[in-house]
Amino acid sequence: QPGGSLRLACAASGIVFSGYTMGWYRQ
C-alpha cells in the first residue's frame, strides 16, 4: 500500500563483486 515499505535484494554470482558499481533501475 502507499506509504509502505519493501526491501529488494540482488544476489550476484560469476563476477568479482567488489569490482563493480551496483545499481537499481526501474521501468
mmCIF file of all heavy atoms, coordinates in Angstrom:
data_MODEL
# 
_entry.id   MODEL 
# 
loop_
_atom_site.group_PDB 
_atom_site.id 
_atom_site.type_symbol 
_atom_site.label_atom_id 
_atom_site.label_alt_id 
_atom_site.label_comp_id 
_atom_site.label_asym_id 
_atom_site.label_entity_id 
_atom_site.label_seq_id 
_atom_site.pdbx_PDB_ins_code 
_atom_site.Cartn_x 
_atom_site.Cartn_y 
_atom_site.Cartn_z 
_atom_site.occupancy 
_atom_site.B_iso_or_equiv 
_atom_site.pdbx_formal_charge 
_atom_site.auth_seq_id 
_atom_site.auth_comp_id 
_atom_site.auth_asym_id 
_atom_site.auth_atom_id 
_atom_site.pdbx_PDB_model_num 
ATOM 1   N N   . GLN A 1 1  ? 0.827  -1.193  0.000   1.00 0.00 ? 1  GLN A N   1 
ATOM 2   C CA  . GLN A 1 1  ? 0.000  0.000   0.000   1.00 0.00 ? 1  GLN A CA  1 
ATOM 3   C C   . GLN A 1 1  ? 0.866  1.250   0.000   1.00 0.00 ? 1  GLN A C   1 
ATOM 4   O O   . GLN A 1 1  ? 2.023  1.214   0.434   1.00 0.00 ? 1  GLN A O   1 
ATOM 5   C CB  . GLN A 1 1  ? -0.919 0.008   1.217   1.00 0.00 ? 1  GLN A CB  1 
ATOM 6   C CG  . GLN A 1 1  ? -1.953 -1.097  1.219   1.00 0.00 ? 1  GLN A CG  1 
ATOM 7   C CD  . GLN A 1 1  ? -2.898 -1.002  2.392   1.00 0.00 ? 1  GLN A CD  1 
ATOM 8   O OE1 . GLN A 1 1  ? -2.748 -0.139  3.259   1.00 0.00 ? 1  GLN A OE1 1 
ATOM 9   N NE2 . GLN A 1 1  ? -3.886 -1.875  2.427   1.00 0.00 ? 1  GLN A NE2 1 
ATOM 10  N N   . PRO A 1 2  ? 0.330  2.360   -0.495  1.00 0.00 ? 2  PRO A N   1 
ATOM 11  C CA  . PRO A 1 2  ? 1.079  3.607   -0.400  1.00 0.00 ? 2  PRO A CA  1 
ATOM 12  C C   . PRO A 1 2  ? 1.503  3.884   1.032   1.00 0.00 ? 2  PRO A C   1 
ATOM 13  O O   . PRO A 1 2  ? 0.733  3.695   1.974   1.00 0.00 ? 2  PRO A O   1 
ATOM 14  C CB  . PRO A 1 2  ? 0.087  4.653   -0.903  1.00 0.00 ? 2  PRO A CB  1 
ATOM 15  C CG  . PRO A 1 2  ? -0.814 3.890   -1.818  1.00 0.00 ? 2  PRO A CG  1 
ATOM 16  C CD  . PRO A 1 2  ? -0.951 2.529   -1.199  1.00 0.00 ? 2  PRO A CD  1 
ATOM 17  N N   . GLY A 1 3  ? 2.729  4.327   1.181   1.00 0.00 ? 3  GLY A N   1 
ATOM 18  C CA  . GLY A 1 3  ? 3.291  4.557   2.496   1.00 0.00 ? 3  GLY A CA  1 
ATOM 19  C C   . GLY A 1 3  ? 4.007  3.362   3.082   1.00 0.00 ? 3  GLY A C   1 
ATOM 20  O O   . GLY A 1 3  ? 4.692  3.498   4.106   1.00 0.00 ? 3  GLY A O   1 
ATOM 21  N N   . GLY A 1 4  ? 3.873  2.216   2.452   1.00 0.00 ? 4  GLY A N   1 
ATOM 22  C CA  . GLY A 1 4  ? 4.510  1.009   2.937   1.00 0.00 ? 4  GLY A CA  1 
ATOM 23  C C   . GLY A 1 4  ? 5.960  0.907   2.533   1.00 0.00 ? 4  GLY A C   1 
ATOM 24  O O   . GLY A 1 4  ? 6.525  1.809   1.906   1.00 0.00 ? 4  GLY A O   1 
ATOM 25  N N   . SER A 1 5  ? 6.555  -0.232  2.879   1.00 0.00 ? 5  SER A N   1 
ATOM 26  C CA  . SER A 1 5  ? 7.976  -0.450  2.644   1.00 0.00 ? 5  SER A CA  1 
ATOM 27  C C   . SER A 1 5  ? 8.225  -1.815  2.041   1.00 0.00 ? 5  SER A C   1 
ATOM 28  O O   . SER A 1 5  ? 7.479  -2.764  2.266   1.00 0.00 ? 5  SER A O   1 
ATOM 29  C CB  . SER A 1 5  ? 8.766  -0.351  3.958   1.00 0.00 ? 5  SER A CB  1 
ATOM 30  O OG  . SER A 1 5  ? 8.670  0.936   4.531   1.00 0.00 ? 5  SER A OG  1 
ATOM 31  N N   . LEU A 1 6  ? 9.288  -1.899  1.277   1.00 0.00 ? 6  LEU A N   1 
ATOM 32  C CA  . LEU A 1 6  ? 9.807  -3.147  0.752   1.00 0.00 ? 6  LEU A CA  1 
ATOM 33  C C   . LEU A 1 6  ? 11.318 -3.077  0.752   1.00 0.00 ? 6  LEU A C   1 
ATOM 34  O O   . LEU A 1 6  ? 11.885 -2.000  0.637   1.00 0.00 ? 6  LEU A O   1 
ATOM 35  C CB  . LEU A 1 6  ? 9.338  -3.411  -0.681  1.00 0.00 ? 6  LEU A CB  1 
ATOM 36  C CG  . LEU A 1 6  ? 7.916  -3.871  -0.934  1.00 0.00 ? 6  LEU A CG  1 
ATOM 37  C CD1 . LEU A 1 6  ? 7.663  -3.906  -2.441  1.00 0.00 ? 6  LEU A CD1 1 
ATOM 38  C CD2 . LEU A 1 6  ? 7.671  -5.240  -0.327  1.00 0.00 ? 6  LEU A CD2 1 
ATOM 39  N N   . ARG A 1 7  ? 11.948 -4.229  0.848   1.00 0.00 ? 7  ARG A N   1 
ATOM 40  C CA  . ARG A 1 7  ? 13.385 -4.310  0.675   1.00 0.00 ? 7  ARG A CA  1 
ATOM 41  C C   . ARG A 1 7  ? 13.698 -5.284  -0.444  1.00 0.00 ? 7  ARG A C   1 
ATOM 42  O O   . ARG A 1 7  ? 13.350 -6.462  -0.364  1.00 0.00 ? 7  ARG A O   1 
ATOM 43  C CB  . ARG A 1 7  ? 14.105 -4.751  1.950   1.00 0.00 ? 7  ARG A CB  1 
ATOM 44  C CG  . ARG A 1 7  ? 15.628 -4.594  1.830   1.00 0.00 ? 7  ARG A CG  1 
ATOM 45  C CD  . ARG A 1 7  ? 16.378 -5.002  3.074   1.00 0.00 ? 7  ARG A CD  1 
ATOM 46  N NE  . ARG A 1 7  ? 16.472 -6.444  3.206   1.00 0.00 ? 7  ARG A NE  1 
ATOM 47  C CZ  . ARG A 1 7  ? 17.458 -7.082  3.843   1.00 0.00 ? 7  ARG A CZ  1 
ATOM 48  N NH1 . ARG A 1 7  ? 18.437 -6.379  4.405   1.00 0.00 ? 7  ARG A NH1 1 
ATOM 49  N NH2 . ARG A 1 7  ? 17.453 -8.393  3.926   1.00 0.00 ? 7  ARG A NH2 1 
ATOM 50  N N   . LEU A 1 8  ? 14.344 -4.779  -1.473  1.00 0.00 ? 8  LEU A N   1 
ATOM 51  C CA  . LEU A 1 8  ? 14.786 -5.596  -2.579  1.00 0.00 ? 8  LEU A CA  1 
ATOM 52  C C   . LEU A 1 8  ? 16.211 -6.064  -2.345  1.00 0.00 ? 8  LEU A C   1 
ATOM 53  O O   . LEU A 1 8  ? 17.009 -5.367  -1.721  1.00 0.00 ? 8  LEU A O   1 
ATOM 54  C CB  . LEU A 1 8  ? 14.728 -4.824  -3.894  1.00 0.00 ? 8  LEU A CB  1 
ATOM 55  C CG  . LEU A 1 8  ? 13.403 -4.158  -4.261  1.00 0.00 ? 8  LEU A CG  1 
ATOM 56  C CD1 . LEU A 1 8  ? 13.515 -3.506  -5.632  1.00 0.00 ? 8  LEU A CD1 1 
ATOM 57  C CD2 . LEU A 1 8  ? 12.259 -5.159  -4.224  1.00 0.00 ? 8  LEU A CD2 1 
ATOM 58  N N   . ALA A 1 9  ? 16.523 -7.231  -2.861  1.00 0.00 ? 9  ALA A N   1 
ATOM 59  C CA  . ALA A 1 9  ? 17.874 -7.757  -2.795  1.00 0.00 ? 9  ALA A CA  1 
ATOM 60  C C   . ALA A 1 9  ? 18.276 -8.267  -4.163  1.00 0.00 ? 9  ALA A C   1 
ATOM 61  O O   . ALA A 1 9  ? 17.443 -8.749  -4.938  1.00 0.00 ? 9  ALA A O   1 
ATOM 62  C CB  . ALA A 1 9  ? 17.972 -8.881  -1.763  1.00 0.00 ? 9  ALA A CB  1 
ATOM 63  N N   . CYS A 1 10 ? 19.540 -8.156  -4.461  1.00 0.00 ? 10 CYS A N   1 
ATOM 64  C CA  . CYS A 1 10 ? 20.105 -8.662  -5.707  1.00 0.00 ? 10 CYS A CA  1 
ATOM 65  C C   . CYS A 1 10 ? 21.359 -9.427  -5.367  1.00 0.00 ? 10 CYS A C   1 
ATOM 66  O O   . CYS A 1 10 ? 22.342 -8.836  -4.891  1.00 0.00 ? 10 CYS A O   1 
ATOM 67  C CB  . CYS A 1 10 ? 20.403 -7.514  -6.668  1.00 0.00 ? 10 CYS A CB  1 
ATOM 68  S SG  . CYS A 1 10 ? 21.349 -7.988  -8.131  1.00 0.00 ? 10 CYS A SG  1 
ATOM 69  N N   . ALA A 1 11 ? 21.321 -10.721 -5.592  1.00 0.00 ? 11 ALA A N   1 
ATOM 70  C CA  . ALA A 1 11 ? 22.464 -11.586 -5.330  1.00 0.00 ? 11 ALA A CA  1 
ATOM 71  C C   . ALA A 1 11 ? 23.223 -11.825 -6.627  1.00 0.00 ? 11 ALA A C   1 
ATOM 72  O O   . ALA A 1 11 ? 22.647 -12.272 -7.621  1.00 0.00 ? 11 ALA A O   1 
ATOM 73  C CB  . ALA A 1 11 ? 21.997 -12.904 -4.735  1.00 0.00 ? 11 ALA A CB  1 
ATOM 74  N N   . ALA A 1 12 ? 24.506 -11.524 -6.608  1.00 0.00 ? 12 ALA A N   1 
ATOM 75  C CA  . ALA A 1 12 ? 25.341 -11.639 -7.793  1.00 0.00 ? 12 ALA A CA  1 
ATOM 76  C C   . ALA A 1 12 ? 26.251 -12.853 -7.702  1.00 0.00 ? 12 ALA A C   1 
ATOM 77  O O   . ALA A 1 12 ? 26.745 -13.205 -6.624  1.00 0.00 ? 12 ALA A O   1 
ATOM 78  C CB  . ALA A 1 12 ? 26.183 -10.378 -7.981  1.00 0.00 ? 12 ALA A CB  1 
ATOM 79  N N   . SER A 1 13 ? 26.489 -13.472 -8.836  1.00 0.00 ? 13 SER A N   1 
ATOM 80  C CA  . SER A 1 13 ? 27.452 -14.553 -8.928  1.00 0.00 ? 13 SER A CA  1 
ATOM 81  C C   . SER A 1 13 ? 28.143 -14.486 -10.280 1.00 0.00 ? 13 SER A C   1 
ATOM 82  O O   . SER A 1 13 ? 27.611 -13.916 -11.239 1.00 0.00 ? 13 SER A O   1 
ATOM 83  C CB  . SER A 1 13 ? 26.783 -15.920 -8.734  1.00 0.00 ? 13 SER A CB  1 
ATOM 84  O OG  . SER A 1 13 ? 25.804 -16.152 -9.735  1.00 0.00 ? 13 SER A OG  1 
ATOM 85  N N   . GLY A 1 14 ? 29.332 -15.044 -10.353 1.00 0.00 ? 14 GLY A N   1 
ATOM 86  C CA  . GLY A 1 14 ? 30.071 -15.061 -11.600 1.00 0.00 ? 14 GLY A CA  1 
ATOM 87  C C   . GLY A 1 14 ? 30.878 -13.810 -11.884 1.00 0.00 ? 14 GLY A C   1 
ATOM 88  O O   . GLY A 1 14 ? 31.466 -13.695 -12.970 1.00 0.00 ? 14 GLY A O   1 
ATOM 89  N N   . ILE A 1 15 ? 30.904 -12.876 -10.949 1.00 0.00 ? 15 ILE A N   1 
ATOM 90  C CA  . ILE A 1 15 ? 31.696 -11.668 -11.092 1.00 0.00 ? 15 ILE A CA  1 
ATOM 91  C C   . ILE A 1 15 ? 32.477 -11.432 -9.807  1.00 0.00 ? 15 ILE A C   1 
ATOM 92  O O   . ILE A 1 15 ? 32.129 -11.974 -8.754  1.00 0.00 ? 15 ILE A O   1 
ATOM 93  C CB  . ILE A 1 15 ? 30.846 -10.420 -11.411 1.00 0.00 ? 15 ILE A CB  1 
ATOM 94  C CG1 . ILE A 1 15 ? 29.855 -10.132 -10.278 1.00 0.00 ? 15 ILE A CG1 1 
ATOM 95  C CG2 . ILE A 1 15 ? 30.143 -10.565 -12.747 1.00 0.00 ? 15 ILE A CG2 1 
ATOM 96  C CD1 . ILE A 1 15 ? 29.134 -8.802  -10.405 1.00 0.00 ? 15 ILE A CD1 1 
ATOM 97  N N   . VAL A 1 16 ? 33.527 -10.630 -9.923  1.00 0.00 ? 16 VAL A N   1 
ATOM 98  C CA  . VAL A 1 16 ? 34.210 -10.149 -8.732  1.00 0.00 ? 16 VAL A CA  1 
ATOM 99  C C   . VAL A 1 16 ? 33.396 -8.961  -8.241  1.00 0.00 ? 16 VAL A C   1 
ATOM 100 O O   . VAL A 1 16 ? 33.536 -7.840  -8.721  1.00 0.00 ? 16 VAL A O   1 
ATOM 101 C CB  . VAL A 1 16 ? 35.661 -9.761  -9.028  1.00 0.00 ? 16 VAL A CB  1 
ATOM 102 C CG1 . VAL A 1 16 ? 36.347 -9.270  -7.755  1.00 0.00 ? 16 VAL A CG1 1 
ATOM 103 C CG2 . VAL A 1 16 ? 36.428 -10.938 -9.625  1.00 0.00 ? 16 VAL A CG2 1 
ATOM 104 N N   . PHE A 1 17 ? 32.524 -9.233  -7.298  1.00 0.00 ? 17 PHE A N   1 
ATOM 105 C CA  . PHE A 1 17 ? 31.504 -8.279  -6.891  1.00 0.00 ? 17 PHE A CA  1 
ATOM 106 C C   . PHE A 1 17 ? 32.098 -6.950  -6.452  1.00 0.00 ? 17 PHE A C   1 
ATOM 107 O O   . PHE A 1 17 ? 31.563 -5.880  -6.781  1.00 0.00 ? 17 PHE A O   1 
ATOM 108 C CB  . PHE A 1 17 ? 30.661 -8.897  -5.770  1.00 0.00 ? 17 PHE A CB  1 
ATOM 109 C CG  . PHE A 1 17 ? 29.497 -8.066  -5.329  1.00 0.00 ? 17 PHE A CG  1 
ATOM 110 C CD1 . PHE A 1 17 ? 28.342 -8.011  -6.083  1.00 0.00 ? 17 PHE A CD1 1 
ATOM 111 C CD2 . PHE A 1 17 ? 29.555 -7.343  -4.143  1.00 0.00 ? 17 PHE A CD2 1 
ATOM 112 C CE1 . PHE A 1 17 ? 27.262 -7.249  -5.668  1.00 0.00 ? 17 PHE A CE1 1 
ATOM 113 C CE2 . PHE A 1 17 ? 28.486 -6.586  -3.719  1.00 0.00 ? 17 PHE A CE2 1 
ATOM 114 C CZ  . PHE A 1 17 ? 27.330 -6.537  -4.492  1.00 0.00 ? 17 PHE A CZ  1 
ATOM 115 N N   . SER A 1 18 ? 33.202 -7.007  -5.726  1.00 0.00 ? 18 SER A N   1 
ATOM 116 C CA  . SER A 1 18 ? 33.797 -5.783  -5.202  1.00 0.00 ? 18 SER A CA  1 
ATOM 117 C C   . SER A 1 18 ? 34.339 -4.877  -6.297  1.00 0.00 ? 18 SER A C   1 
ATOM 118 O O   . SER A 1 18 ? 34.624 -3.707  -6.034  1.00 0.00 ? 18 SER A O   1 
ATOM 119 C CB  . SER A 1 18 ? 34.908 -6.122  -4.207  1.00 0.00 ? 18 SER A CB  1 
ATOM 120 O OG  . SER A 1 18 ? 35.946 -6.855  -4.834  1.00 0.00 ? 18 SER A OG  1 
ATOM 121 N N   . GLY A 1 19 ? 34.484 -5.387  -7.510  1.00 0.00 ? 19 GLY A N   1 
ATOM 122 C CA  . GLY A 1 19 ? 34.984 -4.589  -8.609  1.00 0.00 ? 19 GLY A CA  1 
ATOM 123 C C   . GLY A 1 19 ? 33.914 -3.844  -9.389  1.00 0.00 ? 19 GLY A C   1 
ATOM 124 O O   . GLY A 1 19 ? 34.236 -3.165  -10.368 1.00 0.00 ? 19 GLY A O   1 
ATOM 125 N N   . TYR A 1 20 ? 32.668 -3.964  -8.963  1.00 0.00 ? 20 TYR A N   1 
ATOM 126 C CA  . TYR A 1 20 ? 31.555 -3.405  -9.710  1.00 0.00 ? 20 TYR A CA  1 
ATOM 127 C C   . TYR A 1 20 ? 30.790 -2.352  -8.930  1.00 0.00 ? 20 TYR A C   1 
ATOM 128 O O   . TYR A 1 20 ? 30.531 -2.525  -7.732  1.00 0.00 ? 20 TYR A O   1 
ATOM 129 C CB  . TYR A 1 20 ? 30.565 -4.512  -10.096 1.00 0.00 ? 20 TYR A CB  1 
ATOM 130 C CG  . TYR A 1 20 ? 31.044 -5.374  -11.231 1.00 0.00 ? 20 TYR A CG  1 
ATOM 131 C CD1 . TYR A 1 20 ? 31.962 -6.396  -11.010 1.00 0.00 ? 20 TYR A CD1 1 
ATOM 132 C CD2 . TYR A 1 20 ? 30.575 -5.163  -12.523 1.00 0.00 ? 20 TYR A CD2 1 
ATOM 133 C CE1 . TYR A 1 20 ? 32.409 -7.181  -12.058 1.00 0.00 ? 20 TYR A CE1 1 
ATOM 134 C CE2 . TYR A 1 20 ? 31.015 -5.950  -13.567 1.00 0.00 ? 20 TYR A CE2 1 
ATOM 135 C CZ  . TYR A 1 20 ? 31.928 -6.953  -13.334 1.00 0.00 ? 20 TYR A CZ  1 
ATOM 136 O OH  . TYR A 1 20 ? 32.369 -7.737  -14.377 1.00 0.00 ? 20 TYR A OH  1 
ATOM 137 N N   . THR A 1 21 ? 30.463 -1.281  -9.630  1.00 0.00 ? 21 THR A N   1 
ATOM 138 C CA  . THR A 1 21 ? 29.418 -0.405  -9.142  1.00 0.00 ? 21 THR A CA  1 
ATOM 139 C C   . THR A 1 21 ? 28.084 -1.115  -9.358  1.00 0.00 ? 21 THR A C   1 
ATOM 140 O O   . THR A 1 21 ? 27.829 -1.648  -10.437 1.00 0.00 ? 21 THR A O   1 
ATOM 141 C CB  . THR A 1 21 ? 29.423 0.938   -9.879  1.00 0.00 ? 21 THR A CB  1 
ATOM 142 O OG1 . THR A 1 21 ? 30.610 1.654   -9.533  1.00 0.00 ? 21 THR A OG1 1 
ATOM 143 C CG2 . THR A 1 21 ? 28.219 1.780   -9.503  1.00 0.00 ? 21 THR A CG2 1 
ATOM 144 N N   . MET A 1 22 ? 27.260 -1.135  -8.340  1.00 0.00 ? 22 MET A N   1 
ATOM 145 C CA  . MET A 1 22 ? 25.957 -1.774  -8.427  1.00 0.00 ? 22 MET A CA  1 
ATOM 146 C C   . MET A 1 22 ? 24.866 -0.721  -8.481  1.00 0.00 ? 22 MET A C   1 
ATOM 147 O O   . MET A 1 22 ? 24.994 0.356   -7.908  1.00 0.00 ? 22 MET A O   1 
ATOM 148 C CB  . MET A 1 22 ? 25.729 -2.696  -7.233  1.00 0.00 ? 22 MET A CB  1 
ATOM 149 C CG  . MET A 1 22 ? 26.769 -3.793  -7.081  1.00 0.00 ? 22 MET A CG  1 
ATOM 150 S SD  . MET A 1 22 ? 26.833 -4.906  -8.513  1.00 0.00 ? 22 MET A SD  1 
ATOM 151 C CE  . MET A 1 22 ? 25.170 -5.606  -8.461  1.00 0.00 ? 22 MET A CE  1 
ATOM 152 N N   . GLY A 1 23 ? 23.799 -1.063  -9.174  1.00 0.00 ? 23 GLY A N   1 
ATOM 153 C CA  . GLY A 1 23 ? 22.718 -0.111  -9.302  1.00 0.00 ? 23 GLY A CA  1 
ATOM 154 C C   . GLY A 1 23 ? 21.360 -0.766  -9.387  1.00 0.00 ? 23 GLY A C   1 
ATOM 155 O O   . GLY A 1 23 ? 21.248 -1.963  -9.681  1.00 0.00 ? 23 GLY A O   1 
ATOM 156 N N   . TRP A 1 24 ? 20.355 0.034   -9.093  1.00 0.00 ? 24 TRP A N   1 
ATOM 157 C CA  . TRP A 1 24 ? 18.969 -0.348  -9.287  1.00 0.00 ? 24 TRP A CA  1 
ATOM 158 C C   . TRP A 1 24 ? 18.337 0.586   -10.308 1.00 0.00 ? 24 TRP A C   1 
ATOM 159 O O   . TRP A 1 24 ? 18.484 1.807   -10.214 1.00 0.00 ? 24 TRP A O   1 
ATOM 160 C CB  . TRP A 1 24 ? 18.176 -0.277  -7.982  1.00 0.00 ? 24 TRP A CB  1 
ATOM 161 C CG  . TRP A 1 24 ? 18.528 -1.348  -7.001  1.00 0.00 ? 24 TRP A CG  1 
ATOM 162 C CD1 . TRP A 1 24 ? 19.397 -1.259  -5.957  1.00 0.00 ? 24 TRP A CD1 1 
ATOM 163 C CD2 . TRP A 1 24 ? 18.003 -2.677  -6.971  1.00 0.00 ? 24 TRP A CD2 1 
ATOM 164 N NE1 . TRP A 1 24 ? 19.449 -2.448  -5.275  1.00 0.00 ? 24 TRP A NE1 1 
ATOM 165 C CE2 . TRP A 1 24 ? 18.602 -3.336  -5.878  1.00 0.00 ? 24 TRP A CE2 1 
ATOM 166 C CE3 . TRP A 1 24 ? 17.078 -3.368  -7.758  1.00 0.00 ? 24 TRP A CE3 1 
ATOM 167 C CZ2 . TRP A 1 24 ? 18.309 -4.659  -5.552  1.00 0.00 ? 24 TRP A CZ2 1 
ATOM 168 C CZ3 . TRP A 1 24 ? 16.797 -4.681  -7.439  1.00 0.00 ? 24 TRP A CZ3 1 
ATOM 169 C CH2 . TRP A 1 24 ? 17.404 -5.307  -6.348  1.00 0.00 ? 24 TRP A CH2 1 
ATOM 170 N N   . TYR A 1 25 ? 17.665 0.000   -11.264 1.00 0.00 ? 25 TYR A N   1 
ATOM 171 C CA  . TYR A 1 25 ? 16.885 0.720   -12.253 1.00 0.00 ? 25 TYR A CA  1 
ATOM 172 C C   . TYR A 1 25 ? 15.441 0.257   -12.164 1.00 0.00 ? 25 TYR A C   1 
ATOM 173 O O   . TYR A 1 25 ? 15.148 -0.800  -11.596 1.00 0.00 ? 25 TYR A O   1 
ATOM 174 C CB  . TYR A 1 25 ? 17.407 0.455   -13.670 1.00 0.00 ? 25 TYR A CB  1 
ATOM 175 C CG  . TYR A 1 25 ? 18.721 1.124   -13.994 1.00 0.00 ? 25 TYR A CG  1 
ATOM 176 C CD1 . TYR A 1 25 ? 19.905 0.722   -13.389 1.00 0.00 ? 25 TYR A CD1 1 
ATOM 177 C CD2 . TYR A 1 25 ? 18.780 2.156   -14.937 1.00 0.00 ? 25 TYR A CD2 1 
ATOM 178 C CE1 . TYR A 1 25 ? 21.113 1.327   -13.700 1.00 0.00 ? 25 TYR A CE1 1 
ATOM 179 C CE2 . TYR A 1 25 ? 19.984 2.760   -15.256 1.00 0.00 ? 25 TYR A CE2 1 
ATOM 180 C CZ  . TYR A 1 25 ? 21.139 2.342   -14.638 1.00 0.00 ? 25 TYR A CZ  1 
ATOM 181 O OH  . TYR A 1 25 ? 22.340 2.940   -14.961 1.00 0.00 ? 25 TYR A OH  1 
ATOM 182 N N   . ARG A 1 26 ? 14.551 1.032   -12.741 1.00 0.00 ? 26 ARG A N   1 
ATOM 183 C CA  . ARG A 1 26 ? 13.159 0.607   -12.777 1.00 0.00 ? 26 ARG A CA  1 
ATOM 184 C C   . ARG A 1 26 ? 12.524 1.013   -14.094 1.00 0.00 ? 26 ARG A C   1 
ATOM 185 O O   . ARG A 1 26 ? 12.940 1.972   -14.742 1.00 0.00 ? 26 ARG A O   1 
ATOM 186 C CB  . ARG A 1 26 ? 12.361 1.182   -11.605 1.00 0.00 ? 26 ARG A CB  1 
ATOM 187 C CG  . ARG A 1 26 ? 12.216 2.693   -11.611 1.00 0.00 ? 26 ARG A CG  1 
ATOM 188 C CD  . ARG A 1 26 ? 11.553 3.163   -10.323 1.00 0.00 ? 26 ARG A CD  1 
ATOM 189 N NE  . ARG A 1 26 ? 11.374 4.607   -10.292 1.00 0.00 ? 26 ARG A NE  1 
ATOM 190 C CZ  . ARG A 1 26 ? 10.946 5.280   -9.241  1.00 0.00 ? 26 ARG A CZ  1 
ATOM 191 N NH1 . ARG A 1 26 ? 10.645 4.630   -8.117  1.00 0.00 ? 26 ARG A NH1 1 
ATOM 192 N NH2 . ARG A 1 26 ? 10.814 6.597   -9.303  1.00 0.00 ? 26 ARG A NH2 1 
ATOM 193 N N   . GLN A 1 27 ? 11.510 0.262   -14.477 1.00 0.00 ? 27 GLN A N   1 
ATOM 194 C CA  . GLN A 1 27 ? 10.801 0.531   -15.714 1.00 0.00 ? 27 GLN A CA  1 
ATOM 195 C C   . GLN A 1 27 ? 9.315  0.260   -15.520 1.00 0.00 ? 27 GLN A C   1 
ATOM 196 O O   . GLN A 1 27 ? 8.923  -0.854  -15.174 1.00 0.00 ? 27 GLN A O   1 
ATOM 197 C CB  . GLN A 1 27 ? 11.346 -0.322  -16.854 1.00 0.00 ? 27 GLN A CB  1 
ATOM 198 C CG  . GLN A 1 27 ? 10.772 0.033   -18.212 1.00 0.00 ? 27 GLN A CG  1 
ATOM 199 C CD  . GLN A 1 27 ? 11.537 -0.612  -19.348 1.00 0.00 ? 27 GLN A CD  1 
ATOM 200 O OE1 . GLN A 1 27 ? 12.182 -1.647  -19.168 1.00 0.00 ? 27 GLN A OE1 1 
ATOM 201 N NE2 . GLN A 1 27 ? 11.476 -0.003  -20.514 1.00 0.00 ? 27 GLN A NE2 1 
# 
